[in-house]
Amino acid sequence: MSAPLTHIIVWEGIEIEVTHTPLYCAEPPFDHIELRVKGKLRLPMTETGYRSHFLPAREVMSYGDAAGYVRAWLDHEAQSASWRVYVESSRQLSLF
C-alpha cells in the first residue's frame, strides 16, 4: 500500500476532502478513494457526505490525479435525473 494523498477540491460550492491511496490492494491491484464533505452535504454519489470507492489501479492517473478523477466523476453523476430533481427541489422553499 502506498501512502495516502489528500486533496481539497470545491465542486458547486461544496468543499470536498479527497483521499487517494494508490495500490491500496496489490492483488488484484486496486486504488482507494475516500470522499468527505464538511457538514455532511449531499453529493451526486452519496447522500451522507462520505463515500469509499475502490477502482482499478492507475485509473486515476488517466485524469491527472485524484482531484481530476473526482471532478469528472461528480460532473458525470450530476447529469442523473435524481440529482437534477434534488438540486431543483433544494432551490424551492417548502412548507413541509
PDB file of N, CA and C in Angstrom:
ATOM      1  N   MET A   1       0.836  -1.171   0.000  1.00  0.00           N
ATOM      2  CA  MET A   1       0.000   0.000   0.000  1.00  0.00           C
ATOM      3  C   MET A   1       0.888   1.244   0.000  1.00  0.00           C
ATOM      4  N   SER A   2       0.551   2.186  -0.855  1.00  0.00           N
ATOM      5  CA  SER A   2       1.273   3.455  -0.913  1.00  0.00           C
ATOM      6  C   SER A   2       0.692   4.428   0.111  1.00  0.00           C
ATOM      7  N   ALA A   3       1.438   5.475   0.404  1.00  0.00           N
ATOM      8  CA  ALA A   3       0.962   6.498   1.331  1.00  0.00           C
ATOM      9  C   ALA A   3      -0.225   7.242   0.731  1.00  0.00           C
ATOM     10  N   PRO A   4      -1.253   7.520   1.527  1.00  0.00           N
ATOM     11  CA  PRO A   4      -2.412   8.264   1.030  1.00  0.00           C
ATOM     12  C   PRO A   4      -2.039   9.693   0.646  1.00  0.00           C
ATOM     13  N   LEU A   5      -2.690  10.185  -0.400  1.00  0.00           N
ATOM     14  CA  LEU A   5      -2.527  11.564  -0.864  1.00  0.00           C
ATOM     15  C   LEU A   5      -3.865  12.267  -0.666  1.00  0.00           C
ATOM     16  N   THR A   6      -3.837  13.456  -0.080  1.00  0.00           N
ATOM     17  CA  THR A   6      -5.087  14.170   0.197  1.00  0.00           C
ATOM     18  C   THR A   6      -5.150  15.465  -0.601  1.00  0.00           C
ATOM     19  N   HIS A   7      -6.317  15.702  -1.184  1.00  0.00           N
ATOM     20  CA  HIS A   7      -6.597  16.933  -1.931  1.00  0.00           C
ATOM     21  C   HIS A   7      -7.873  17.540  -1.361  1.00  0.00           C
ATOM     22  N   ILE A   8      -7.979  18.855  -1.439  1.00  0.00           N
ATOM     23  CA  ILE A   8      -9.227  19.551  -1.123  1.00  0.00           C
ATOM     24  C   ILE A   8      -9.693  20.177  -2.429  1.00  0.00           C
ATOM     25  N   ILE A   9     -10.923  19.850  -2.832  1.00  0.00           N
ATOM     26  CA  ILE A   9     -11.492  20.458  -4.028  1.00  0.00           C
ATOM     27  C   ILE A   9     -12.798  21.145  -3.654  1.00  0.00           C
ATOM     28  N   VAL A  10     -13.213  22.069  -4.485  1.00  0.00           N
ATOM     29  CA  VAL A  10     -14.508  22.724  -4.321  1.00  0.00           C
ATOM     30  C   VAL A  10     -15.289  22.454  -5.588  1.00  0.00           C
ATOM     31  N   TRP A  11     -16.446  21.835  -5.415  1.00  0.00           N
ATOM     32  CA  TRP A  11     -17.329  21.496  -6.542  1.00  0.00           C
ATOM     33  C   TRP A  11     -18.706  22.057  -6.239  1.00  0.00           C
ATOM     34  N   GLU A  12     -19.204  22.910  -7.124  1.00  0.00           N
ATOM     35  CA  GLU A  12     -20.523  23.528  -6.951  1.00  0.00           C
ATOM     36  C   GLU A  12     -20.654  24.179  -5.566  1.00  0.00           C
ATOM     37  N   GLY A  13     -19.566  24.789  -5.108  1.00  0.00           N
ATOM     38  CA  GLY A  13     -19.567  25.472  -3.816  1.00  0.00           C
ATOM     39  C   GLY A  13     -19.417  24.549  -2.614  1.00  0.00           C
ATOM     40  N   ILE A  14     -19.216  23.269  -2.837  1.00  0.00           N
ATOM     41  CA  ILE A  14     -19.083  22.287  -1.758  1.00  0.00           C
ATOM     42  C   ILE A  14     -17.615  21.903  -1.622  1.00  0.00           C
ATOM     43  N   GLU A  15     -17.064  22.052  -0.411  1.00  0.00           N
ATOM     44  CA  GLU A  15     -15.681  21.673  -0.158  1.00  0.00           C
ATOM     45  C   GLU A  15     -15.618  20.175   0.124  1.00  0.00           C
ATOM     46  N   ILE A  16     -14.748  19.473  -0.607  1.00  0.00           N
ATOM     47  CA  ILE A  16     -14.645  18.023  -0.512  1.00  0.00           C
ATOM     48  C   ILE A  16     -13.193  17.644  -0.267  1.00  0.00           C
ATOM     49  N   GLU A  17     -12.992  16.812   0.759  1.00  0.00           N
ATOM     50  CA  GLU A  17     -11.669  16.252   1.009  1.00  0.00           C
ATOM     51  C   GLU A  17     -11.589  14.920   0.260  1.00  0.00           C
ATOM     52  N   VAL A  18     -10.592  14.795  -0.597  1.00  0.00           N
ATOM     53  CA  VAL A  18     -10.394  13.597  -1.411  1.00  0.00           C
ATOM     54  C   VAL A  18      -9.100  12.934  -0.947  1.00  0.00           C
ATOM     55  N   THR A  19      -9.209  11.700  -0.448  1.00  0.00           N
ATOM     56  CA  THR A  19      -8.027  10.943  -0.040  1.00  0.00           C
ATOM     57  C   THR A  19      -7.868   9.763  -0.991  1.00  0.00           C
ATOM     58  N   HIS A  20      -6.705   9.709  -1.632  1.00  0.00           N
ATOM     59  CA  HIS A  20      -6.418   8.664  -2.620  1.00  0.00           C
ATOM     60  C   HIS A  20      -5.263   7.814  -2.101  1.00  0.00           C
ATOM     61  N   THR A  21      -5.509   6.508  -2.026  1.00  0.00           N
ATOM     62  CA  THR A  21      -4.455   5.576  -1.644  1.00  0.00           C
ATOM     63  C   THR A  21      -4.132   4.708  -2.851  1.00  0.00           C
ATOM     64  N   PRO A  22      -3.035   5.014  -3.565  1.00  0.00           N
ATOM     65  CA  PRO A  22      -2.641   4.181  -4.704  1.00  0.00           C
ATOM     66  C   PRO A  22      -2.263   2.768  -4.232  1.00  0.00           C
ATOM     67  N   LEU A  23      -2.588   1.796  -5.035  1.00  0.00           N
ATOM     68  CA  LEU A  23      -2.294   0.393  -4.732  1.00  0.00           C
ATOM     69  C   LEU A  23      -2.677   0.006  -3.304  1.00  0.00           C
ATOM     70  N   TYR A  24      -3.906   0.365  -2.930  1.00  0.00           N
ATOM     71  CA  TYR A  24      -4.438   0.005  -1.618  1.00  0.00           C
ATOM     72  C   TYR A  24      -4.400  -1.508  -1.432  1.00  0.00           C
ATOM     73  N   CYS A  25      -4.666  -2.209  -2.525  1.00  0.00           N
ATOM     74  CA  CYS A  25      -4.623  -3.672  -2.527  1.00  0.00           C
ATOM     75  C   CYS A  25      -3.775  -4.092  -3.719  1.00  0.00           C
ATOM     76  N   ALA A  26      -2.783  -4.940  -3.472  1.00  0.00           N
ATOM     77  CA  ALA A  26      -1.873  -5.338  -4.543  1.00  0.00           C
ATOM     78  C   ALA A  26      -2.434  -6.450  -5.421  1.00  0.00           C
ATOM     79  N   GLU A  27      -3.226  -7.345  -4.857  1.00  0.00           N
ATOM     80  CA  GLU A  27      -3.724  -8.496  -5.614  1.00  0.00           C
ATOM     81  C   GLU A  27      -5.188  -8.711  -5.349  1.00  0.00           C
ATOM     82  N   PRO A  28      -6.080  -8.392  -6.234  1.00  0.00           N
ATOM     83  CA  PRO A  28      -5.835  -7.705  -7.502  1.00  0.00           C
ATOM     84  C   PRO A  28      -5.492  -6.242  -7.236  1.00  0.00           C
ATOM     85  N   PRO A  29      -4.833  -5.594  -8.167  1.00  0.00           N
ATOM     86  CA  PRO A  29      -4.381  -4.212  -7.944  1.00  0.00           C
ATOM     87  C   PRO A  29      -5.527  -3.195  -7.980  1.00  0.00           C
ATOM     88  N   PHE A  30      -5.815  -2.613  -6.812  1.00  0.00           N
ATOM     89  CA  PHE A  30      -6.857  -1.605  -6.688  1.00  0.00           C
ATOM     90  C   PHE A  30      -6.333  -0.386  -5.963  1.00  0.00           C
ATOM     91  N   ASP A  31      -6.844   0.785  -6.370  1.00  0.00           N
ATOM     92  CA  ASP A  31      -6.647   2.031  -5.642  1.00  0.00           C
ATOM     93  C   ASP A  31      -7.892   2.255  -4.782  1.00  0.00           C
ATOM     94  N   HIS A  32      -7.781   3.178  -3.836  1.00  0.00           N
ATOM     95  CA  HIS A  32      -8.917   3.512  -2.982  1.00  0.00           C
ATOM     96  C   HIS A  32      -9.054   5.022  -2.901  1.00  0.00           C
ATOM     97  N   ILE A  33     -10.296   5.488  -3.004  1.00  0.00           N
ATOM     98  CA  ILE A  33     -10.597   6.914  -2.867  1.00  0.00           C
ATOM     99  C   ILE A  33     -11.660   7.070  -1.791  1.00  0.00           C
ATOM    100  N   GLU A  34     -11.451   8.048  -0.911  1.00  0.00           N
ATOM    101  CA  GLU A  34     -12.462   8.408   0.080  1.00  0.00           C
ATOM    102  C   GLU A  34     -12.838   9.867  -0.137  1.00  0.00           C
ATOM    103  N   LEU A  35     -14.128  10.137  -0.071  1.00  0.00           N
ATOM    104  CA  LEU A  35     -14.645  11.499  -0.162  1.00  0.00           C
ATOM    105  C   LEU A  35     -15.271  11.865   1.174  1.00  0.00           C
ATOM    106  N   ARG A  36     -14.951  13.048   1.670  1.00  0.00           N
ATOM    107  CA  ARG A  36     -15.555  13.548   2.905  1.00  0.00           C
ATOM    108  C   ARG A  36     -15.964  14.994   2.657  1.00  0.00           C
ATOM    109  N   VAL A  37     -17.205  15.295   3.003  1.00  0.00           N
ATOM    110  CA  VAL A  37     -17.737  16.642   2.826  1.00  0.00           C
ATOM    111  C   VAL A  37     -18.006  17.245   4.193  1.00  0.00           C
ATOM    112  N   LYS A  38     -17.500  18.448   4.416  1.00  0.00           N
ATOM    113  CA  LYS A  38     -17.796  19.145   5.664  1.00  0.00           C
ATOM    114  C   LYS A  38     -19.302  19.384   5.745  1.00  0.00           C
ATOM    115  N   GLY A  39     -19.863  19.188   6.898  1.00  0.00           N
ATOM    116  CA  GLY A  39     -21.293  19.401   7.071  1.00  0.00           C
ATOM    117  C   GLY A  39     -22.135  18.278   6.513  1.00  0.00           C
ATOM    118  N   LYS A  40     -21.486  17.212   6.057  1.00  0.00           N
ATOM    119  CA  LYS A  40     -22.178  16.040   5.524  1.00  0.00           C
ATOM    120  C   LYS A  40     -23.188  16.395   4.434  1.00  0.00           C
ATOM    121  N   LEU A  41     -22.832  17.349   3.598  1.00  0.00           N
ATOM    122  CA  LEU A  41     -23.701  17.726   2.487  1.00  0.00           C
ATOM    123  C   LEU A  41     -23.764  16.606   1.460  1.00  0.00           C
ATOM    124  N   ARG A  42     -24.863  16.542   0.785  1.00  0.00           N
ATOM    125  CA  ARG A  42     -25.093  15.502  -0.219  1.00  0.00           C
ATOM    126  C   ARG A  42     -24.302  15.792  -1.492  1.00  0.00           C
ATOM    127  N   LEU A  43     -23.826  14.724  -2.114  1.00  0.00           N
ATOM    128  CA  LEU A  43     -23.189  14.773  -3.423  1.00  0.00           C
ATOM    129  C   LEU A  43     -23.957  13.845  -4.360  1.00  0.00           C
ATOM    130  N   PRO A  44     -23.739  13.930  -5.653  1.00  0.00           N
ATOM    131  CA  PRO A  44     -24.465  13.053  -6.572  1.00  0.00           C
ATOM    132  C   PRO A  44     -24.261  11.564  -6.298  1.00  0.00           C
ATOM    133  N   MET A  45     -23.147  11.183  -5.674  1.00  0.00           N
ATOM    134  CA  MET A  45     -22.899   9.757  -5.441  1.00  0.00           C
ATOM    135  C   MET A  45     -22.969   9.358  -3.971  1.00  0.00           C
ATOM    136  N   THR A  46     -23.383  10.280  -3.104  1.00  0.00           N
ATOM    137  CA  THR A  46     -23.574   9.948  -1.693  1.00  0.00           C
ATOM    138  C   THR A  46     -24.531  10.930  -1.040  1.00  0.00           C
ATOM    139  N   GLU A  47     -25.456  10.401  -0.280  1.00  0.00           N
ATOM    140  CA  GLU A  47     -26.399  11.247   0.448  1.00  0.00           C
ATOM    141  C   GLU A  47     -25.850  11.679   1.800  1.00  0.00           C
ATOM    142  N   THR A  48     -24.790  11.022   2.257  1.00  0.00           N
ATOM    143  CA  THR A  48     -24.271  11.260   3.607  1.00  0.00           C
ATOM    144  C   THR A  48     -23.048  12.168   3.665  1.00  0.00           C
ATOM    145  N   GLY A  49     -22.469  12.483   2.523  1.00  0.00           N
ATOM    146  CA  GLY A  49     -21.253  13.288   2.520  1.00  0.00           C
ATOM    147  C   GLY A  49     -19.996  12.461   2.685  1.00  0.00           C
ATOM    148  N   TYR A  50     -20.134  11.131   2.675  1.00  0.00           N
ATOM    149  CA  TYR A  50     -18.968  10.251   2.750  1.00  0.00           C
ATOM    150  C   TYR A  50     -19.108   9.166   1.694  1.00  0.00           C
ATOM    151  N   ARG A  51     -17.993   8.823   1.054  1.00  0.00           N
ATOM    152  CA  ARG A  51     -18.002   7.737   0.076  1.00  0.00           C
ATOM    153  C   ARG A  51     -16.637   7.084   0.051  1.00  0.00           C
ATOM    154  N   SER A  52     -16.631   5.772   0.128  1.00  0.00           N
ATOM    155  CA  SER A  52     -15.430   4.958  -0.034  1.00  0.00           C
ATOM    156  C   SER A  52     -15.580   4.246  -1.360  1.00  0.00           C
ATOM    157  N   HIS A  53     -14.532   4.327  -2.189  1.00  0.00           N
ATOM    158  CA  HIS A  53     -14.644   3.798  -3.555  1.00  0.00           C
ATOM    159  C   HIS A  53     -13.340   3.110  -3.956  1.00  0.00           C
ATOM    160  N   PHE A  54     -13.443   1.857  -4.376  1.00  0.00           N
ATOM    161  CA  PHE A  54     -12.294   1.114  -4.897  1.00  0.00           C
ATOM    162  C   PHE A  54     -12.371   1.102  -6.416  1.00  0.00           C
ATOM    163  N   LEU A  55     -11.231   1.216  -7.070  1.00  0.00           N
ATOM    164  CA  LEU A  55     -11.205   1.232  -8.524  1.00  0.00           C
ATOM    165  C   LEU A  55      -9.912   0.594  -9.008  1.00  0.00           C
ATOM    166  N   PRO A  56      -9.887   0.159 -10.263  1.00  0.00           N
ATOM    167  CA  PRO A  56      -8.667  -0.466 -10.785  1.00  0.00           C
ATOM    168  C   PRO A  56      -7.453   0.460 -10.619  1.00  0.00           C
ATOM    169  N   ALA A  57      -6.349  -0.142 -10.253  1.00  0.00           N
ATOM    170  CA  ALA A  57      -5.114   0.624 -10.050  1.00  0.00           C
ATOM    171  C   ALA A  57      -4.770   1.436 -11.284  1.00  0.00           C
ATOM    172  N   ARG A  58      -4.309   2.622 -11.050  1.00  0.00           N
ATOM    173  CA  ARG A  58      -3.814   3.558 -12.072  1.00  0.00           C
ATOM    174  C   ARG A  58      -4.908   4.206 -12.925  1.00  0.00           C
ATOM    175  N   GLU A  59      -6.168   3.872 -12.713  1.00  0.00           N
ATOM    176  CA  GLU A  59      -7.244   4.538 -13.468  1.00  0.00           C
ATOM    177  C   GLU A  59      -7.266   6.030 -13.157  1.00  0.00           C
ATOM    178  N   VAL A  60      -6.957   6.379 -11.919  1.00  0.00           N
ATOM    179  CA  VAL A  60      -6.925   7.777 -11.506  1.00  0.00           C
ATOM    180  C   VAL A  60      -5.957   8.579 -12.365  1.00  0.00           C
ATOM    181  N   MET A  61      -4.823   7.984 -12.714  1.00  0.00           N
ATOM    182  CA  MET A  61      -3.784   8.702 -13.447  1.00  0.00           C
ATOM    183  C   MET A  61      -4.235   9.166 -14.834  1.00  0.00           C
ATOM    184  N   SER A  62      -5.236   8.519 -15.396  1.00  0.00           N
ATOM    185  CA  SER A  62      -5.732   8.978 -16.693  1.00  0.00           C
ATOM    186  C   SER A  62      -6.449  10.328 -16.570  1.00  0.00           C
ATOM    187  N   TYR A  63      -6.722  10.768 -15.336  1.00  0.00           N
ATOM    188  CA  TYR A  63      -7.339  12.077 -15.076  1.00  0.00           C
ATOM    189  C   TYR A  63      -6.343  13.049 -14.468  1.00  0.00           C
ATOM    190  N   GLY A  64      -5.089  12.667 -14.401  1.00  0.00           N
ATOM    191  CA  GLY A  64      -4.038  13.515 -13.839  1.00  0.00           C
ATOM    192  C   GLY A  64      -3.757  13.191 -12.391  1.00  0.00           C
ATOM    193  N   ASP A  65      -4.796  13.242 -11.565  1.00  0.00           N
ATOM    194  CA  ASP A  65      -4.677  12.909 -10.147  1.00  0.00           C
ATOM    195  C   ASP A  65      -6.068  12.623  -9.602  1.00  0.00           C
ATOM    196  N   ALA A  66      -6.138  12.345  -8.306  1.00  0.00           N
ATOM    197  CA  ALA A  66      -7.431  12.002  -7.698  1.00  0.00           C
ATOM    198  C   ALA A  66      -8.421  13.157  -7.770  1.00  0.00           C
ATOM    199  N   ALA A  67      -7.936  14.378  -7.651  1.00  0.00           N
ATOM    200  CA  ALA A  67      -8.832  15.536  -7.736  1.00  0.00           C
ATOM    201  C   ALA A  67      -9.494  15.593  -9.112  1.00  0.00           C
ATOM    202  N   GLY A  68      -8.735  15.379 -10.174  1.00  0.00           N
ATOM    203  CA  GLY A  68      -9.289  15.365 -11.528  1.00  0.00           C
ATOM    204  C   GLY A  68     -10.271  14.231 -11.729  1.00  0.00           C
ATOM    205  N   TYR A  69      -9.936  13.061 -11.184  1.00  0.00           N
ATOM    206  CA  TYR A  69     -10.828  11.903 -11.285  1.00  0.00           C
ATOM    207  C   TYR A  69     -12.165  12.192 -10.594  1.00  0.00           C
ATOM    208  N   VAL A  70     -12.107  12.744  -9.375  1.00  0.00           N
ATOM    209  CA  VAL A  70     -13.327  13.011  -8.616  1.00  0.00           C
ATOM    210  C   VAL A  70     -14.158  14.097  -9.284  1.00  0.00           C
ATOM    211  N   ARG A  71     -13.517  15.128  -9.823  1.00  0.00           N
ATOM    212  CA  ARG A  71     -14.276  16.176 -10.532  1.00  0.00           C
ATOM    213  C   ARG A  71     -15.034  15.578 -11.731  1.00  0.00           C
ATOM    214  N   ALA A  72     -14.363  14.725 -12.492  1.00  0.00           N
ATOM    215  CA  ALA A  72     -15.021  14.083 -13.643  1.00  0.00           C
ATOM    216  C   ALA A  72     -16.164  13.183 -13.180  1.00  0.00           C
ATOM    217  N   TRP A  73     -15.950  12.458 -12.093  1.00  0.00           N
ATOM    218  CA  TRP A  73     -16.971  11.581 -11.529  1.00  0.00           C
ATOM    219  C   TRP A  73     -18.184  12.402 -11.068  1.00  0.00           C
ATOM    220  N   LEU A  74     -17.935  13.501 -10.363  1.00  0.00           N
ATOM    221  CA  LEU A  74     -19.019  14.377  -9.912  1.00  0.00           C
ATOM    222  C   LEU A  74     -19.801  14.952 -11.091  1.00  0.00           C
ATOM    223  N   ASP A  75     -19.090  15.458 -12.085  1.00  0.00           N
ATOM    224  CA  ASP A  75     -19.758  16.030 -13.256  1.00  0.00           C
ATOM    225  C   ASP A  75     -20.605  14.993 -13.974  1.00  0.00           C
ATOM    226  N   HIS A  76     -20.105  13.773 -14.073  1.00  0.00           N
ATOM    227  CA  HIS A  76     -20.866  12.698 -14.724  1.00  0.00           C
ATOM    228  C   HIS A  76     -22.124  12.354 -13.917  1.00  0.00           C
ATOM    229  N   GLU A  77     -21.966  12.143 -12.628  1.00  0.00           N
ATOM    230  CA  GLU A  77     -23.102  11.761 -11.776  1.00  0.00           C
ATOM    231  C   GLU A  77     -24.129  12.889 -11.644  1.00  0.00           C
ATOM    232  N   ALA A  78     -23.684  14.135 -11.776  1.00  0.00           N
ATOM    233  CA  ALA A  78     -24.598  15.277 -11.676  1.00  0.00           C
ATOM    234  C   ALA A  78     -25.569  15.350 -12.848  1.00  0.00           C
ATOM    235  N   GLN A  79     -25.314  14.583 -13.895  1.00  0.00           N
ATOM    236  CA  GLN A  79     -26.222  14.553 -15.045  1.00  0.00           C
ATOM    237  C   GLN A  79     -27.424  13.635 -14.810  1.00  0.00           C
ATOM    238  N   SER A  80     -27.423  12.868 -13.719  1.00  0.00           N
ATOM    239  CA  SER A  80     -28.515  11.927 -13.456  1.00  0.00           C
ATOM    240  C   SER A  80     -29.813  12.668 -13.147  1.00  0.00           C
ATOM    241  N   ALA A  81     -30.911  12.042 -13.489  1.00  0.00           N
ATOM    242  CA  ALA A  81     -32.235  12.627 -13.240  1.00  0.00           C
ATOM    243  C   ALA A  81     -32.454  12.841 -11.744  1.00  0.00           C
ATOM    244  N   SER A  82     -32.034  11.899 -10.923  1.00  0.00           N
ATOM    245  CA  SER A  82     -32.263  12.029  -9.479  1.00  0.00           C
ATOM    246  C   SER A  82     -31.506  13.220  -8.891  1.00  0.00           C
ATOM    247  N   TRP A  83     -30.293  13.479  -9.376  1.00  0.00           N
ATOM    248  CA  TRP A  83     -29.542  14.636  -8.881  1.00  0.00           C
ATOM    249  C   TRP A  83     -30.190  15.936  -9.342  1.00  0.00           C
ATOM    250  N   ARG A  84     -30.640  15.980 -10.587  1.00  0.00           N
ATOM    251  CA  ARG A  84     -31.302  17.194 -11.090  1.00  0.00           C
ATOM    252  C   ARG A  84     -32.572  17.479 -10.287  1.00  0.00           C
ATOM    253  N   VAL A  85     -33.339  16.449  -9.953  1.00  0.00           N
ATOM    254  CA  VAL A  85     -34.541  16.624  -9.133  1.00  0.00           C
ATOM    255  C   VAL A  85     -34.150  17.145  -7.754  1.00  0.00           C
ATOM    256  N   TYR A  86     -33.102  16.580  -7.169  1.00  0.00           N
ATOM    257  CA  TYR A  86     -32.640  17.028  -5.854  1.00  0.00           C
ATOM    258  C   TYR A  86     -32.233  18.508  -5.889  1.00  0.00           C
ATOM    259  N   VAL A  87     -31.452  18.892  -6.878  1.00  0.00           N
ATOM    260  CA  VAL A  87     -30.990  20.283  -6.978  1.00  0.00           C
ATOM    261  C   VAL A  87     -32.189  21.219  -7.146  1.00  0.00           C
ATOM    262  N   GLU A  88     -33.117  20.864  -8.002  1.00  0.00           N
ATOM    263  CA  GLU A  88     -34.291  21.714  -8.231  1.00  0.00           C
ATOM    264  C   GLU A  88     -35.131  21.827  -6.973  1.00  0.00           C
ATOM    265  N   SER A  89     -35.348  20.727  -6.285  1.00  0.00           N
ATOM    266  CA  SER A  89     -36.170  20.773  -5.057  1.00  0.00           C
ATOM    267  C   SER A  89     -35.452  21.530  -3.949  1.00  0.00           C
ATOM    268  N   SER A  90     -34.136  21.534  -3.951  1.00  0.00           N
ATOM    269  CA  SER A  90     -33.370  22.270  -2.948  1.00  0.00           C
ATOM    270  C   SER A  90     -33.493  23.780  -3.147  1.00  0.00           C
ATOM    271  N   ARG A  91     -33.765  24.201  -4.341  1.00  0.00           N
ATOM    272  CA  ARG A  91     -33.895  25.635  -4.647  1.00  0.00           C
ATOM    273  C   ARG A  91     -35.240  26.188  -4.240  1.00  0.00           C
ATOM    274  N   GLN A  92     -36.248  25.332  -4.160  1.00  0.00           N
ATOM    275  CA  GLN A  92     -37.606  25.771  -3.858  1.00  0.00           C
ATOM    276  C   GLN A  92     -37.870  25.678  -2.360  1.00  0.00           C
ATOM    277  N   LEU A  93     -38.578  26.675  -1.851  1.00  0.00           N
ATOM    278  CA  LEU A  93     -38.978  26.646  -0.464  1.00  0.00           C
ATOM    279  C   LEU A  93     -40.114  25.643  -0.280  1.00  0.00           C
ATOM    280  N   SER A  94     -40.126  24.995   0.859  1.00  0.00           N
ATOM    281  CA  SER A  94     -41.183  24.026   1.150  1.00  0.00           C
ATOM    282  C   SER A  94     -41.738  24.304   2.522  1.00  0.00           C
ATOM    283  N   LEU A  95     -43.045  24.183   2.662  1.00  0.00           N
ATOM    284  CA  LEU A  95     -43.680  24.369   3.953  1.00  0.00           C
ATOM    285  C   LEU A  95     -43.708  23.072   4.747  1.00  0.00           C
ATOM    286  N   PHE A  96     -43.329  21.982   4.117  1.00  0.00           N
ATOM    287  CA  PHE A  96     -43.396  20.673   4.798  1.00  0.00           C
ATOM    288  C   PHE A  96     -42.070  19.986   4.799  1.00  0.00           C
TER     289      PHE A  96
END
